[in-house]
Protein backbone atom coordinates (compact mmCIF):
# COMPACT_ATOMS: atom_id res chain seq x y z
CA MET A 1 2.16 30.00 -38.15
CA THR A 2 -0.46 29.46 -40.86
CA ALA A 3 -3.83 31.08 -40.13
CA ASP A 4 -6.60 28.72 -39.07
CA SER A 5 -9.30 27.78 -41.54
CA PRO A 6 -12.76 28.94 -40.44
CA GLU A 7 -13.60 25.41 -39.33
CA THR A 8 -10.41 25.05 -37.28
CA ALA A 9 -10.83 28.52 -35.79
CA ALA A 10 -14.36 27.68 -34.70
CA LEU A 11 -13.25 24.41 -33.13
CA ARG A 12 -10.33 26.14 -31.40
CA ALA A 13 -12.75 28.67 -29.91
CA LYS A 14 -15.02 25.87 -28.68
CA VAL A 15 -12.13 24.11 -26.97
CA ARG A 16 -10.94 27.32 -25.33
CA ALA A 17 -14.41 28.04 -24.00
CA LEU A 18 -14.48 24.54 -22.47
CA MET A 19 -11.25 24.93 -20.50
CA PRO A 20 -12.90 26.12 -17.25
CA ARG A 21 -14.93 22.92 -17.32
CA ALA A 22 -11.79 20.90 -18.03
CA LYS A 23 -10.24 22.41 -14.91
CA GLU A 24 -13.32 21.43 -12.90
CA ASP A 25 -13.12 17.88 -14.25
CA LEU A 26 -9.45 17.60 -13.40
CA ALA A 27 -9.93 19.05 -9.92
CA ALA A 28 -12.63 16.47 -9.19
CA LEU A 29 -10.46 13.62 -10.52
CA VAL A 30 -7.30 14.67 -8.68
CA ALA A 31 -9.25 14.76 -5.41
CA MET A 32 -9.98 11.04 -5.86
CA ARG A 33 -7.05 9.06 -4.41
CA SER A 34 -7.31 6.39 -7.07
CA VAL A 35 -4.14 4.43 -6.31
CA ALA A 36 -5.01 0.85 -7.29
CA ASP A 37 -3.27 -0.68 -4.29
CA PRO A 38 -5.61 -1.55 -1.39
CA ARG A 39 -2.60 -1.78 0.92
CA GLN A 40 -2.18 1.98 0.61
CA PHE A 41 -5.58 3.45 -0.33
CA PRO A 42 -9.16 2.22 -0.02
CA PRO A 43 -10.54 0.68 -3.24
CA GLU A 44 -13.57 2.95 -2.93
CA GLU A 45 -11.38 5.77 -4.24
CA CYS A 46 -10.84 3.93 -7.55
CA ALA A 47 -14.55 3.12 -7.69
CA ARG A 48 -15.37 6.84 -7.30
CA ALA A 49 -13.07 7.69 -10.20
CA ALA A 50 -14.57 4.98 -12.39
CA ASP A 51 -18.10 6.19 -11.65
CA PHE A 52 -17.03 9.77 -12.46
CA LEU A 53 -15.88 8.61 -15.90
CA VAL A 54 -19.13 6.75 -16.53
CA THR A 55 -21.14 9.91 -15.81
CA ALA A 56 -18.82 12.41 -17.52
CA PHE A 57 -18.39 10.51 -20.78
CA THR A 58 -22.10 9.74 -20.94
CA GLU A 59 -22.75 13.48 -20.73
CA ALA A 60 -20.09 14.01 -23.44
CA GLY A 61 -22.08 11.85 -25.85
CA LEU A 62 -20.88 8.26 -25.42
CA ARG A 63 -23.30 5.41 -24.89
CA ASP A 64 -23.48 2.32 -22.71
CA MET A 65 -20.78 3.64 -20.39
CA ARG A 66 -20.12 1.05 -17.70
CA ARG A 67 -17.55 -0.64 -15.51
CA VAL A 68 -16.14 -3.99 -16.62
CA THR A 69 -14.15 -6.11 -14.19
CA THR A 70 -10.82 -7.27 -15.60
CA PRO A 71 -9.09 -10.57 -14.72
CA ASP A 72 -6.93 -8.86 -12.05
CA GLY A 73 -10.08 -7.82 -10.20
CA THR A 74 -9.97 -4.12 -11.05
CA ASP A 75 -12.49 -2.20 -13.12
CA ALA A 76 -12.05 -0.79 -16.60
CA VAL A 77 -14.53 1.78 -17.88
CA VAL A 78 -15.84 1.22 -21.40
CA GLY A 79 -18.34 2.79 -23.76
CA HIS A 80 -18.94 3.66 -27.40
CA ALA A 81 -20.69 6.03 -29.79
CA PRO A 82 -21.82 5.32 -33.34
CA GLY A 83 -20.65 7.45 -36.22
CA PRO A 84 -21.81 7.81 -39.81
CA GLU A 85 -22.20 4.69 -41.92
CA GLY A 86 -18.88 3.70 -43.45
CA ALA A 87 -16.81 5.84 -41.09
CA PRO A 88 -13.70 4.34 -39.46
CA THR A 89 -13.63 3.28 -35.81
CA VAL A 90 -11.32 4.97 -33.29
CA LEU A 91 -10.53 3.68 -29.79
CA LEU A 92 -9.69 6.28 -27.13
CA TYR A 93 -7.58 4.91 -24.26
CA CYS A 94 -6.50 6.38 -20.92
CA HIS A 95 -6.16 5.19 -17.32
CA TYR A 96 -7.71 6.64 -14.18
CA ASP A 97 -5.45 5.09 -11.53
CA VAL A 98 -2.41 7.04 -10.35
CA GLN A 99 0.91 6.54 -8.63
CA PRO A 100 0.99 7.07 -4.85
CA PRO A 101 2.25 10.51 -3.83
CA LEU A 102 5.51 9.01 -2.47
CA ASP A 103 7.14 11.63 -0.23
CA ASP A 104 4.36 13.88 1.08
CA ASP A 105 6.92 16.26 2.57
CA ALA A 106 8.48 16.83 -0.86
CA TRP A 107 5.24 18.20 -2.30
CA ARG A 108 4.95 21.98 -2.41
CA THR A 109 1.15 21.67 -2.75
CA PRO A 110 -1.34 19.06 -1.46
CA PRO A 111 -0.93 16.02 -3.76
CA PHE A 112 -4.66 15.31 -3.99
CA GLU A 113 -5.84 18.89 -4.43
CA LEU A 114 -5.59 20.63 -7.78
CA THR A 115 -3.51 23.76 -7.16
CA GLU A 116 -2.53 26.42 -9.69
CA ARG A 117 1.01 27.80 -9.39
CA GLU A 118 2.83 29.93 -11.96
CA GLY A 119 0.45 28.89 -14.72
CA ARG A 120 0.63 25.14 -14.12
CA TRP A 121 -1.89 22.84 -12.42
CA TYR A 122 -0.32 20.69 -9.66
CA GLY A 123 -1.52 17.43 -8.13
CA ARG A 124 -1.03 13.69 -8.44
CA GLY A 125 -2.39 12.52 -11.78
CA THR A 126 -2.74 15.98 -13.32
CA ALA A 127 -0.67 14.71 -16.23
CA ASP A 128 -0.47 10.92 -15.78
CA CYS A 129 -3.12 10.21 -16.70
CA LYS A 130 -6.09 12.29 -15.52
CA GLY A 131 -4.92 15.18 -17.67
CA ASN A 132 -5.51 12.93 -20.67
CA ILE A 133 -9.01 12.17 -19.40
CA ALA A 134 -9.71 15.91 -19.33
CA MET A 135 -8.27 16.12 -22.86
CA HIS A 136 -10.64 13.40 -24.11
CA LEU A 137 -13.68 15.00 -22.48
CA THR A 138 -12.85 18.44 -23.88
CA ALA A 139 -12.34 17.09 -27.41
CA LEU A 140 -15.60 15.15 -27.37
CA ARG A 141 -17.57 18.09 -25.95
CA ALA A 142 -16.12 20.39 -28.60
CA LEU A 143 -17.19 18.01 -31.36
CA GLY A 144 -20.60 17.22 -29.90
CA GLY A 145 -21.64 20.73 -28.93
CA PRO A 146 -24.96 21.88 -27.52
CA ASP A 147 -26.80 21.04 -30.76
CA GLY A 148 -26.05 17.36 -30.22
CA GLU A 149 -24.46 16.71 -33.63
CA GLY A 150 -22.91 13.26 -33.89
CA PHE A 151 -19.27 12.29 -33.92
CA PRO A 152 -17.52 12.00 -37.31
CA VAL A 153 -16.24 8.47 -36.58
CA HIS A 154 -17.38 5.43 -34.66
CA LEU A 155 -15.89 5.76 -31.17
CA LYS A 156 -14.88 3.27 -28.53
CA PHE A 157 -13.58 4.25 -25.12
CA VAL A 158 -11.52 2.29 -22.58
CA ALA A 159 -10.11 3.61 -19.32
CA GLU A 160 -7.87 1.26 -17.36
CA GLY A 161 -8.02 1.05 -13.57
CA SER A 162 -4.68 -0.56 -12.66
CA GLU A 163 -2.12 0.59 -15.23
CA GLU A 164 0.31 1.95 -12.65
CA GLN A 165 0.32 -1.31 -10.69
CA GLY A 166 1.25 -3.34 -13.79
CA THR A 167 -1.04 -6.23 -12.86
CA GLY A 168 -2.01 -6.79 -16.50
CA GLY A 169 -5.77 -6.92 -16.09
CA LEU A 170 -6.57 -4.99 -19.25
CA GLU A 171 -4.01 -6.92 -21.29
CA GLN A 172 -5.77 -10.12 -20.26
CA LEU A 173 -9.17 -8.65 -21.08
CA VAL A 174 -8.27 -7.84 -24.71
CA PRO A 175 -8.36 -11.45 -26.02
CA GLN A 176 -11.36 -12.25 -23.81
CA ARG A 177 -13.45 -9.26 -24.99
CA PRO A 178 -11.94 -8.15 -28.31
CA GLU A 179 -15.17 -6.43 -29.34
CA LEU A 180 -14.50 -3.74 -26.72
CA PHE A 181 -11.18 -2.81 -28.36
CA ALA A 182 -11.45 -3.56 -32.09
CA ALA A 183 -10.84 -0.38 -34.10
CA ASP A 184 -9.09 0.95 -37.19
CA ALA A 185 -7.06 3.44 -35.14
CA LEU A 186 -6.21 3.28 -31.45
CA LEU A 187 -5.19 6.46 -29.62
CA VAL A 188 -3.24 5.34 -26.54
CA CYS A 189 -3.20 8.58 -24.58
CA ASP A 190 -0.61 7.95 -21.89
CA THR A 191 2.44 9.76 -23.27
CA GLY A 192 2.99 13.31 -24.41
CA ASN A 193 5.08 15.83 -26.25
CA PHE A 194 8.85 15.61 -26.42
CA ALA A 195 8.97 19.22 -25.22
CA LEU A 196 6.34 21.66 -24.08
CA GLY A 197 4.45 22.91 -27.11
CA LEU A 198 6.12 20.53 -29.60
CA PRO A 199 3.53 18.18 -31.16
CA THR A 200 4.82 14.64 -30.83
CA ALA A 201 3.78 11.10 -31.63
CA THR A 202 5.58 8.44 -29.61
CA THR A 203 6.38 5.70 -32.12
CA SER A 204 8.58 3.30 -30.15
CA LEU A 205 8.73 1.88 -26.65
CA ARG A 206 11.53 -0.09 -25.06
CA GLY A 207 10.77 -3.50 -23.64
CA LEU A 208 11.78 -4.80 -20.25
CA ALA A 209 13.66 -7.81 -18.84
CA ASN A 210 14.28 -7.95 -15.08
CA VAL A 211 16.27 -10.51 -13.08
CA VAL A 212 17.50 -10.98 -9.52
CA VAL A 213 21.11 -12.15 -9.23
CA THR A 214 22.33 -13.83 -6.04
CA VAL A 215 26.06 -14.27 -5.29
CA SER A 216 27.32 -16.69 -2.60
CA THR A 217 30.93 -17.26 -1.53
CA LEU A 218 30.98 -18.46 2.10
CA ARG A 219 28.85 -20.57 4.42
CA GLY A 220 28.41 -17.53 6.64
CA GLU A 221 29.77 -14.06 7.34
CA MET A 222 33.30 -13.95 8.71
CA HIS A 223 35.19 -11.29 10.73
CA SER A 224 37.02 -9.03 8.30
CA GLY A 225 39.93 -8.49 10.70
CA MET A 226 40.64 -12.20 11.11
CA PHE A 227 39.77 -13.42 7.61
CA GLY A 228 39.54 -10.37 5.30
CA GLY A 229 41.94 -10.55 2.35
CA PRO A 230 41.95 -14.16 1.21
CA ALA A 231 38.29 -14.74 2.17
CA PRO A 232 36.13 -14.29 -0.98
CA ASP A 233 33.77 -11.38 -0.40
CA ALA A 234 30.36 -11.92 -1.98
CA LEU A 235 29.69 -8.18 -2.16
CA ALA A 236 32.98 -7.52 -3.93
CA ALA A 237 32.14 -10.33 -6.36
CA LEU A 238 28.74 -8.80 -7.05
CA VAL A 239 30.31 -5.39 -7.68
CA ARG A 240 32.65 -6.91 -10.28
CA ILE A 241 29.76 -8.74 -11.96
CA LEU A 242 27.63 -5.61 -12.16
CA ASP A 243 30.56 -3.56 -13.40
CA SER A 244 30.91 -5.95 -16.35
CA LEU A 245 27.52 -4.85 -17.67
CA CYS A 246 28.93 -1.60 -19.08
CA ASP A 247 32.25 -0.36 -20.41
CA GLU A 248 34.24 2.69 -19.31
CA ALA A 249 32.10 5.00 -21.46
CA GLY A 250 28.88 3.61 -20.00
CA ASN A 251 27.81 1.58 -23.04
CA THR A 252 25.78 -1.52 -22.14
CA THR A 253 27.95 -4.56 -22.78
CA VAL A 254 25.79 -7.66 -22.32
CA LYS A 255 27.45 -10.39 -24.35
CA GLY A 256 25.30 -11.40 -27.30
CA LEU A 257 23.18 -8.24 -27.19
CA ALA A 258 23.70 -5.63 -29.93
CA ALA A 259 24.15 -2.09 -28.62
CA ASP A 260 24.67 -0.06 -31.80
CA GLY A 261 21.12 0.90 -32.81
CA SER A 262 20.40 4.22 -34.55
CA TRP A 263 17.48 6.65 -34.22
CA ALA A 264 15.86 8.54 -37.10
CA GLY A 265 13.29 10.61 -35.18
CA VAL A 266 13.59 13.81 -33.16
CA ASP A 267 17.00 14.68 -31.73
CA TYR A 268 17.45 15.02 -27.96
CA PRO A 269 20.01 17.80 -27.37
CA VAL A 270 22.59 16.96 -24.72
CA GLU A 271 22.04 20.11 -22.68
CA GLN A 272 18.28 19.63 -22.73
CA PHE A 273 18.69 16.06 -21.49
CA ARG A 274 21.13 17.11 -18.78
CA ALA A 275 18.57 19.64 -17.56
CA ASP A 276 15.66 17.19 -17.80
CA VAL A 277 17.51 14.47 -15.85
CA GLY A 278 19.11 16.85 -13.33
CA ALA A 279 22.71 15.83 -14.09
CA LEU A 280 25.23 17.34 -11.69
CA ASP A 281 27.94 19.65 -13.04
CA GLY A 282 30.97 17.70 -14.20
CA VAL A 283 29.18 14.34 -14.34
CA SER A 284 29.26 12.79 -17.84
CA LEU A 285 26.33 11.21 -19.63
CA LEU A 286 26.68 7.53 -20.46
CA GLY A 287 27.25 5.87 -23.82
CA THR A 288 28.96 6.84 -27.05
CA GLY A 289 25.76 7.22 -29.09
CA THR A 290 23.50 10.24 -29.21
CA VAL A 291 21.11 10.75 -26.32
CA ALA A 292 18.20 9.68 -28.55
CA GLU A 293 20.03 6.50 -29.60
CA GLU A 294 20.93 5.59 -26.03
CA LEU A 295 17.36 6.23 -24.85
CA TRP A 296 15.27 4.74 -27.62
CA ALA A 297 17.37 2.49 -29.85
CA ARG A 298 19.87 0.72 -27.59
CA PRO A 299 19.67 -1.57 -24.55
CA ALA A 300 20.23 -0.08 -21.10
CA VAL A 301 21.04 -1.84 -17.83
CA THR A 302 20.05 -0.35 -14.48
CA VAL A 303 20.76 -1.81 -11.03
CA LEU A 304 17.44 -1.25 -9.26
CA GLY A 305 18.45 -2.46 -5.82
CA ILE A 306 21.06 -4.35 -3.80
CA ASP A 307 20.51 -6.48 -0.70
CA CYS A 308 23.59 -6.04 1.48
CA PRO A 309 24.30 -4.55 4.91
CA PRO A 310 23.43 -0.84 5.14
CA VAL A 311 26.12 1.60 6.23
CA VAL A 312 24.35 2.33 9.49
CA GLY A 313 24.49 -0.85 11.54
CA SER A 314 27.09 -2.63 9.42
CA SER A 315 29.74 -4.73 11.12
CA ALA A 316 33.33 -5.75 10.38
CA ALA A 317 32.39 -8.79 8.32
CA VAL A 318 33.20 -10.37 4.97
CA GLN A 319 29.84 -10.92 3.27
CA ALA A 320 28.79 -14.47 2.45
CA LYS A 321 25.70 -13.87 0.32
CA VAL A 322 24.26 -10.78 -1.42
CA ARG A 323 21.89 -10.11 -4.27
CA ALA A 324 20.83 -7.41 -6.70
CA ARG A 325 17.83 -6.64 -8.88
CA VAL A 326 18.88 -5.80 -12.42
CA SER A 327 16.67 -4.23 -15.09
CA LEU A 328 17.40 -4.39 -18.81
CA ARG A 329 15.51 -2.03 -21.13
CA VAL A 330 15.21 -3.57 -24.59
CA PRO A 331 14.88 -1.50 -27.81
CA PRO A 332 12.54 -2.36 -30.70
CA GLY A 333 13.95 -5.08 -32.91
CA VAL A 334 15.24 -7.14 -29.97
CA ASP A 335 13.21 -9.97 -28.46
CA ALA A 336 12.88 -9.36 -24.70
CA GLU A 337 12.98 -13.08 -23.84
CA GLU A 338 16.20 -13.53 -25.80
CA ALA A 339 17.63 -10.39 -24.18
CA ARG A 340 16.86 -11.77 -20.71
CA SER A 341 18.57 -15.05 -21.64
CA ALA A 342 21.63 -13.11 -22.79
CA LEU A 343 21.66 -11.10 -19.56
CA THR A 344 21.38 -14.28 -17.48
CA ALA A 345 24.24 -15.97 -19.35
CA HIS A 346 26.38 -12.85 -19.01
CA LEU A 347 25.84 -12.62 -15.24
CA LEU A 348 26.69 -16.29 -14.75
CA ALA A 349 29.83 -16.07 -16.89
CA ALA A 350 31.06 -12.88 -15.19
CA ALA A 351 31.37 -14.47 -11.74
CA PRO A 352 34.93 -14.04 -10.35
CA TRP A 353 36.81 -16.43 -8.08
CA GLY A 354 34.41 -19.30 -8.69
CA ALA A 355 31.64 -17.48 -6.80
CA ARG A 356 28.28 -19.23 -6.96
CA VAL A 357 25.75 -17.21 -8.94
CA GLU A 358 22.03 -17.79 -9.28
CA VAL A 359 19.81 -15.72 -11.60
CA GLU A 360 16.06 -15.61 -10.98
CA PRO A 361 13.94 -14.31 -13.88
CA GLU A 362 11.33 -11.67 -13.15
CA SER A 363 9.04 -9.68 -15.43
CA VAL A 364 9.56 -9.43 -19.17
CA GLY A 365 7.84 -7.14 -21.68
CA GLN A 366 8.39 -6.86 -25.40
CA PRO A 367 9.35 -3.56 -27.06
CA PHE A 368 6.90 -1.84 -29.38
CA GLU A 369 7.27 0.01 -32.67
CA ALA A 370 4.29 1.67 -34.30
CA ARG A 371 3.41 1.38 -37.97
CA THR A 372 3.34 4.99 -39.18
CA ASP A 373 2.56 4.75 -42.91
CA GLY A 374 -1.24 4.58 -42.75
CA PRO A 375 -4.12 7.06 -43.02
CA ALA A 376 -4.49 7.48 -39.26
CA TYR A 377 -0.92 8.72 -38.87
CA ARG A 378 -1.35 11.07 -41.83
CA ALA A 379 -4.48 12.47 -40.20
CA LEU A 380 -2.75 12.70 -36.83
CA GLY A 381 0.21 14.57 -38.30
CA SER A 382 -2.12 17.03 -40.00
CA ALA A 383 -4.20 17.54 -36.86
CA LEU A 384 -1.25 18.09 -34.54
CA SER A 385 0.40 20.48 -36.99
CA ARG A 386 -2.76 22.57 -37.33
CA ALA A 387 -3.35 22.62 -33.58
CA TYR A 388 0.21 23.68 -32.70
CA GLY A 389 1.27 25.49 -35.85
CA LYS A 390 4.34 23.21 -36.00
CA ASP A 391 5.16 19.97 -37.78
CA MET A 392 4.65 16.80 -35.76
CA VAL A 393 7.85 15.04 -34.66
CA ARG A 394 8.35 11.40 -33.72
CA ALA A 395 9.96 10.37 -30.47
CA GLY A 396 10.57 7.20 -28.54
CA GLN A 397 9.97 6.43 -24.90
CA GLY A 398 12.28 4.54 -22.61
CA GLY A 399 9.43 3.00 -20.63
CA SER A 400 7.11 0.14 -21.51
CA ILE A 401 3.36 0.00 -22.16
CA PRO A 402 2.60 -3.74 -22.49
CA LEU A 403 -0.95 -3.02 -23.66
CA CYS A 404 0.41 -1.72 -26.99
CA ASN A 405 1.92 -5.10 -27.84
CA VAL A 406 -1.26 -6.90 -26.84
CA LEU A 407 -3.39 -4.62 -29.00
CA SER A 408 -0.95 -4.91 -31.91
CA GLY A 409 -1.02 -8.69 -31.69
CA GLN A 410 -4.81 -8.84 -31.43
CA PHE A 411 -5.46 -6.26 -34.17
CA PRO A 412 -2.46 -6.38 -36.54
CA GLU A 413 -4.10 -4.14 -39.15
CA ALA A 414 -4.94 -1.35 -36.71
CA GLU A 415 -2.83 1.80 -36.41
CA ILE A 416 -1.69 2.56 -32.85
CA ALA A 417 -0.68 6.11 -31.93
CA LEU A 418 0.66 7.24 -28.56
CA ILE A 419 -0.03 10.87 -27.68
CA GLY A 420 -1.04 12.91 -24.64
CA VAL A 421 -0.45 15.89 -22.37
CA GLU A 422 2.64 14.59 -20.52
CA GLU A 423 5.83 16.55 -21.28
CA PRO A 424 9.14 16.52 -19.34
CA GLY A 425 8.15 19.36 -17.02
CA CYS A 426 5.20 17.34 -15.70
CA LEU A 427 7.41 15.22 -13.39
CA ILE A 428 5.08 12.24 -13.65
CA HIS A 429 5.53 9.59 -10.92
CA ALA A 430 7.46 12.12 -8.80
CA PRO A 431 6.44 14.63 -6.15
CA ASN A 432 5.08 17.91 -7.53
CA GLU A 433 3.53 16.41 -10.64
CA SER A 434 1.86 19.08 -12.75
CA VAL A 435 0.42 19.80 -16.17
CA ASP A 436 0.47 22.88 -18.34
CA PRO A 437 -3.20 23.64 -19.13
CA ALA A 438 -2.13 24.85 -22.58
CA GLU A 439 -1.18 21.25 -23.39
CA ILE A 440 -4.63 20.00 -22.39
CA GLU A 441 -6.23 22.70 -24.52
CA THR A 442 -4.08 22.23 -27.61
CA MET A 443 -4.06 18.43 -27.43
CA ALA A 444 -7.86 18.42 -27.06
CA LEU A 445 -8.05 20.54 -30.20
CA ALA A 446 -5.64 18.16 -31.96
CA GLU A 447 -7.74 15.14 -30.94
CA ALA A 448 -10.92 16.76 -32.23
CA LEU A 449 -9.20 17.73 -35.48
CA PHE A 450 -7.84 14.21 -35.84
CA LEU A 451 -11.30 12.64 -35.53
CA ARG A 452 -12.63 15.02 -38.19
CA THR A 453 -9.64 14.61 -40.52
CA TYR A 454 -9.49 10.82 -40.20
CA ALA A 455 -13.19 10.62 -41.10
CA ASN A 456 -12.80 13.00 -44.05
CA PRO A 457 -9.19 13.06 -45.33
CA ASP A 458 -10.05 15.51 -48.10
């Protein structure tokens, strides 16, 4: 590891000294049950979190911090800070809403109480995405300091209040209020490092195309003892249709959809993936490509749910009508609308025995691929490498962040970078979510270094 320059060493020391405050911030945020679903949690919890951000980022040096209601009825938190004349503008993004805790009994610690265990901080949102809020605050405090020196760039800040619900409020706000988002570089801080301690920029996101397929074969259910055999079973027909979506090796085989993409970024070792996904001994991974290719460069079909009789309470009957929800993840370079059309045509054509098939379209989201040849990415690579003492790698993400496409469409010249504190051990969206505080500390340093380096490349 190369020794820090005096300037980097001083900034590293500032960030380290701020970590007790970062823990206090995160503890306060985790205690706020900011699930943006009023059916589960009172909306006052989200309001508390939004007000916390207004106060905290004002104290960190931003101006005009306020709540802005988005078209879905939730509140975003926005603000800004001027930089030197001629400096570039950087947007800092995060979200303050969280997933519900899901199975309370599966948590080893209280989900809405920050708890330290074996060096990690546990609680819902510690990583996704309140850990990134703590990262932003720590970076800004380290740059501002007690002497009140200004920031090296013009800053804009946006925190979303309903990202986990996918209601699209912020995406709708972008074209309505572009002045809140316009920037030369946009740091979308809702991802993280490929592995703990490995500095990573996420440069591609898969898109999404969901459908519900309904299969009908009879006017009503019939007794399997009297009619089973020649009677066409709707559930058996659905099984055959779903089975046609992949071959024996597990490759996705939707007719008209290419499934041979390659990946040039970081490799994902098989054993590491098996451990990360919790694969059982003796169970093979799917697909003939590398793990990275299958995850980030090729389409993937998942059956999300099936409506059919459950085992408990089922009767001796041939099923007349069943349905399934099918999700297709779409890699960059493939239009999600066209992919959904191909999936629909495939499902209709795969029907056996003349079974009647209906396909209902659901949500669709386009994939995203970042432009990585500009000055912001050069500054980001330098900052991450200095913070971690390792070269930055580029990874993809199997999930979707629709906001990235909206921002890219609205500001085609801007550079969009996805970074954050979330690494595989965080278990985001699952019980026992946690964050390694070292990631908050080092990513806060990297963010502060990026803002300095982007303002002054030399």
